[in-house]
Amino acid sequence: MNASAGTGMMPAAFIGHGNPMNALEQNRYSRAWRALGEAVPRPRAILVVSAHWYIGATAVTVMPRPTRSPCQPLG
């Protein structure tokens, strides 16, 4: 996958997490994620949309380095 030729735009990607162990194990999913990261330029920002974090409102986290994953349980 390459950024759009000559536009400076980054590609959009949908990446379903599947089994959470995919983030820890070496398998075809983790290898594909690594290949994607190596194929595109380093982004200035990343937008993540998750359906797994219900708070009864629409919210946006705006921090350079969030302290927790949105999928991590509160408490």
N, C-alpha and C. Protein backbone atom coordinates (compact mmCIF):
# COMPACT_ATOMS: atom_id res chain seq x y z
N MET A 1 0.85 -1.16 0.00
CA MET A 1 0.00 0.00 0.00
C MET A 1 0.89 1.22 0.00
N ASN A 2 0.62 2.18 -0.84
CA ASN A 2 1.40 3.41 -0.90
C ASN A 2 0.49 4.61 -0.71
N ALA A 3 1.06 5.71 -0.24
CA ALA A 3 0.30 6.94 -0.15
C ALA A 3 -0.11 7.35 -1.55
N SER A 4 -1.21 8.08 -1.67
CA SER A 4 -1.68 8.52 -2.98
C SER A 4 -0.58 9.28 -3.69
N ALA A 5 -0.31 8.91 -4.92
CA ALA A 5 0.82 9.46 -5.68
C ALA A 5 0.73 10.97 -5.80
N GLY A 6 1.73 11.65 -5.27
CA GLY A 6 1.88 13.09 -5.45
C GLY A 6 0.92 13.96 -4.67
N THR A 7 -0.01 13.42 -3.90
CA THR A 7 -0.98 14.24 -3.20
C THR A 7 -0.61 14.49 -1.75
N GLY A 8 0.32 13.70 -1.21
CA GLY A 8 0.68 13.84 0.19
C GLY A 8 -0.37 13.24 1.11
N MET A 9 -1.40 12.61 0.55
CA MET A 9 -2.44 12.01 1.37
C MET A 9 -2.04 10.61 1.80
N MET A 10 -2.44 10.25 2.99
CA MET A 10 -2.17 8.91 3.51
C MET A 10 -3.34 8.01 3.14
N PRO A 11 -3.09 6.71 3.02
CA PRO A 11 -4.19 5.78 2.76
C PRO A 11 -5.04 5.59 4.00
N ALA A 12 -6.29 5.23 3.80
CA ALA A 12 -7.17 4.86 4.91
C ALA A 12 -7.15 3.34 5.00
N ALA A 13 -7.17 2.82 6.20
CA ALA A 13 -7.13 1.37 6.38
C ALA A 13 -8.11 0.98 7.47
N PHE A 14 -8.87 -0.07 7.23
CA PHE A 14 -9.70 -0.67 8.27
C PHE A 14 -8.95 -1.89 8.78
N ILE A 15 -8.69 -1.91 10.07
CA ILE A 15 -7.98 -3.03 10.66
C ILE A 15 -8.80 -3.52 11.84
N GLY A 16 -9.49 -4.65 11.65
CA GLY A 16 -10.22 -5.25 12.75
C GLY A 16 -9.24 -5.97 13.66
N HIS A 17 -9.43 -5.86 14.96
CA HIS A 17 -8.44 -6.46 15.86
C HIS A 17 -8.53 -7.97 15.93
N GLY A 18 -9.70 -8.53 15.63
CA GLY A 18 -9.80 -9.99 15.72
C GLY A 18 -9.48 -10.44 17.13
N ASN A 19 -8.71 -11.49 17.25
CA ASN A 19 -8.29 -12.00 18.54
C ASN A 19 -7.29 -11.03 19.16
N PRO A 20 -7.51 -10.55 20.39
CA PRO A 20 -6.55 -9.62 21.01
C PRO A 20 -5.13 -10.16 21.08
N MET A 21 -4.95 -11.49 21.05
CA MET A 21 -3.60 -12.06 21.09
C MET A 21 -2.82 -11.73 19.82
N ASN A 22 -3.51 -11.29 18.76
CA ASN A 22 -2.79 -10.91 17.53
C ASN A 22 -1.82 -9.77 17.78
N ALA A 23 -2.07 -8.98 18.81
CA ALA A 23 -1.14 -7.89 19.14
C ALA A 23 0.12 -8.40 19.80
N LEU A 24 0.09 -9.62 20.33
CA LEU A 24 1.23 -10.16 21.06
C LEU A 24 1.97 -11.28 20.34
N GLU A 25 1.25 -12.00 19.50
CA GLU A 25 1.83 -13.17 18.85
C GLU A 25 2.44 -12.83 17.49
N GLN A 26 3.35 -13.67 17.04
CA GLN A 26 3.88 -13.58 15.68
C GLN A 26 3.01 -14.50 14.82
N ASN A 27 2.21 -13.93 13.94
CA ASN A 27 1.36 -14.72 13.06
C ASN A 27 1.10 -13.93 11.78
N ARG A 28 0.26 -14.42 10.91
CA ARG A 28 0.05 -13.74 9.63
C ARG A 28 -0.56 -12.35 9.81
N TYR A 29 -1.37 -12.16 10.86
CA TYR A 29 -1.95 -10.84 11.12
C TYR A 29 -0.89 -9.85 11.57
N SER A 30 -0.08 -10.24 12.55
CA SER A 30 0.94 -9.32 13.04
C SER A 30 1.98 -9.03 11.95
N ARG A 31 2.28 -10.02 11.11
CA ARG A 31 3.21 -9.77 10.00
C ARG A 31 2.60 -8.81 8.98
N ALA A 32 1.31 -8.93 8.71
CA ALA A 32 0.64 -8.02 7.78
C ALA A 32 0.60 -6.60 8.34
N TRP A 33 0.34 -6.46 9.65
CA TRP A 33 0.34 -5.13 10.26
C TRP A 33 1.73 -4.50 10.18
N ARG A 34 2.77 -5.30 10.42
CA ARG A 34 4.13 -4.78 10.33
C ARG A 34 4.44 -4.33 8.90
N ALA A 35 4.04 -5.13 7.92
CA ALA A 35 4.27 -4.80 6.51
C ALA A 35 3.55 -3.50 6.14
N LEU A 36 2.34 -3.32 6.64
CA LEU A 36 1.61 -2.08 6.38
C LEU A 36 2.37 -0.89 6.96
N GLY A 37 2.84 -1.03 8.19
CA GLY A 37 3.59 0.05 8.83
C GLY A 37 4.87 0.41 8.10
N GLU A 38 5.49 -0.58 7.49
CA GLU A 38 6.72 -0.33 6.75
C GLU A 38 6.46 0.21 5.35
N ALA A 39 5.22 0.02 4.83
CA ALA A 39 4.91 0.41 3.45
C ALA A 39 4.43 1.85 3.32
N VAL A 40 3.94 2.44 4.39
CA VAL A 40 3.41 3.81 4.31
C VAL A 40 4.31 4.76 5.09
N PRO A 41 4.31 6.04 4.71
CA PRO A 41 5.11 7.01 5.48
C PRO A 41 4.57 7.14 6.91
N ARG A 42 5.41 7.62 7.81
CA ARG A 42 4.99 7.82 9.21
C ARG A 42 3.91 8.91 9.24
N PRO A 43 2.74 8.60 9.81
CA PRO A 43 1.66 9.60 9.84
C PRO A 43 1.90 10.65 10.91
N ARG A 44 1.30 11.81 10.72
CA ARG A 44 1.35 12.86 11.74
C ARG A 44 0.31 12.60 12.83
N ALA A 45 -0.75 11.88 12.48
CA ALA A 45 -1.81 11.56 13.43
C ALA A 45 -2.48 10.27 12.99
N ILE A 46 -3.13 9.60 13.93
CA ILE A 46 -3.87 8.38 13.65
C ILE A 46 -5.26 8.53 14.26
N LEU A 47 -6.29 8.27 13.47
CA LEU A 47 -7.66 8.29 13.96
C LEU A 47 -8.10 6.85 14.18
N VAL A 48 -8.55 6.55 15.39
CA VAL A 48 -9.03 5.22 15.72
C VAL A 48 -10.49 5.34 16.14
N VAL A 49 -11.34 4.54 15.53
CA VAL A 49 -12.75 4.50 15.88
C VAL A 49 -13.03 3.12 16.44
N SER A 50 -13.59 3.07 17.63
CA SER A 50 -13.87 1.80 18.28
C SER A 50 -15.32 1.72 18.70
N ALA A 51 -15.93 0.59 18.42
CA ALA A 51 -17.31 0.35 18.84
C ALA A 51 -17.36 -0.35 20.19
N HIS A 52 -16.22 -0.54 20.83
CA HIS A 52 -16.16 -1.32 22.05
C HIS A 52 -16.10 -0.48 23.32
N TRP A 53 -16.25 0.79 23.20
CA TRP A 53 -16.12 1.64 24.38
C TRP A 53 -17.37 2.47 24.51
N TYR A 54 -18.32 2.03 25.30
CA TYR A 54 -19.58 2.73 25.46
C TYR A 54 -19.53 3.61 26.69
N ILE A 55 -19.72 4.91 26.50
CA ILE A 55 -19.76 5.83 27.63
C ILE A 55 -21.04 6.65 27.63
N GLY A 56 -21.98 6.36 26.71
CA GLY A 56 -23.23 7.10 26.70
C GLY A 56 -23.11 8.48 26.09
N ALA A 57 -22.03 8.72 25.33
CA ALA A 57 -21.82 10.03 24.70
C ALA A 57 -20.82 9.86 23.57
N THR A 58 -20.72 10.85 22.73
CA THR A 58 -19.68 10.88 21.71
C THR A 58 -18.50 11.64 22.30
N ALA A 59 -17.31 11.06 22.23
CA ALA A 59 -16.14 11.68 22.84
C ALA A 59 -14.93 11.51 21.94
N VAL A 60 -13.99 12.42 22.08
CA VAL A 60 -12.74 12.38 21.32
C VAL A 60 -11.59 12.51 22.31
N THR A 61 -10.62 11.61 22.24
CA THR A 61 -9.42 11.72 23.05
C THR A 61 -8.40 12.52 22.27
N VAL A 62 -7.92 13.61 22.84
CA VAL A 62 -6.96 14.47 22.15
C VAL A 62 -5.73 14.61 23.04
N MET A 63 -4.84 13.62 22.93
CA MET A 63 -3.59 13.63 23.68
C MET A 63 -2.50 13.10 22.76
N PRO A 64 -1.30 13.64 22.84
CA PRO A 64 -0.22 13.10 22.01
C PRO A 64 0.05 11.63 22.29
N ARG A 65 -0.05 11.22 23.53
CA ARG A 65 0.20 9.83 23.92
C ARG A 65 -0.84 9.42 24.96
N PRO A 66 -1.99 8.89 24.49
CA PRO A 66 -3.02 8.49 25.46
C PRO A 66 -2.47 7.50 26.48
N THR A 67 -2.96 7.60 27.71
CA THR A 67 -2.43 6.79 28.80
C THR A 67 -3.02 5.40 28.85
N ARG A 68 -4.13 5.15 28.14
CA ARG A 68 -4.75 3.83 28.17
C ARG A 68 -5.44 3.56 26.84
N SER A 69 -5.66 2.32 26.58
CA SER A 69 -6.37 1.89 25.38
C SER A 69 -7.86 2.11 25.59
N PRO A 70 -8.58 2.57 24.55
CA PRO A 70 -10.03 2.71 24.69
C PRO A 70 -10.73 1.37 24.96
N CYS A 71 -10.10 0.26 24.61
CA CYS A 71 -10.70 -1.06 24.85
C CYS A 71 -10.37 -1.60 26.23
N GLN A 72 -9.52 -0.89 26.98
CA GLN A 72 -9.15 -1.33 28.32
C GLN A 72 -10.30 -0.98 29.27
N PRO A 73 -10.74 -1.92 30.12
CA PRO A 73 -11.86 -1.65 31.02
C PRO A 73 -11.55 -0.51 31.98
N LEU A 74 -12.58 0.27 32.29
CA LEU A 74 -12.43 1.33 33.27
C LEU A 74 -12.37 0.73 34.67
N GLY A 75 -11.69 1.42 35.57
CA GLY A 75 -11.69 0.95 36.95
C GLY A 75 -10.47 0.30 37.30
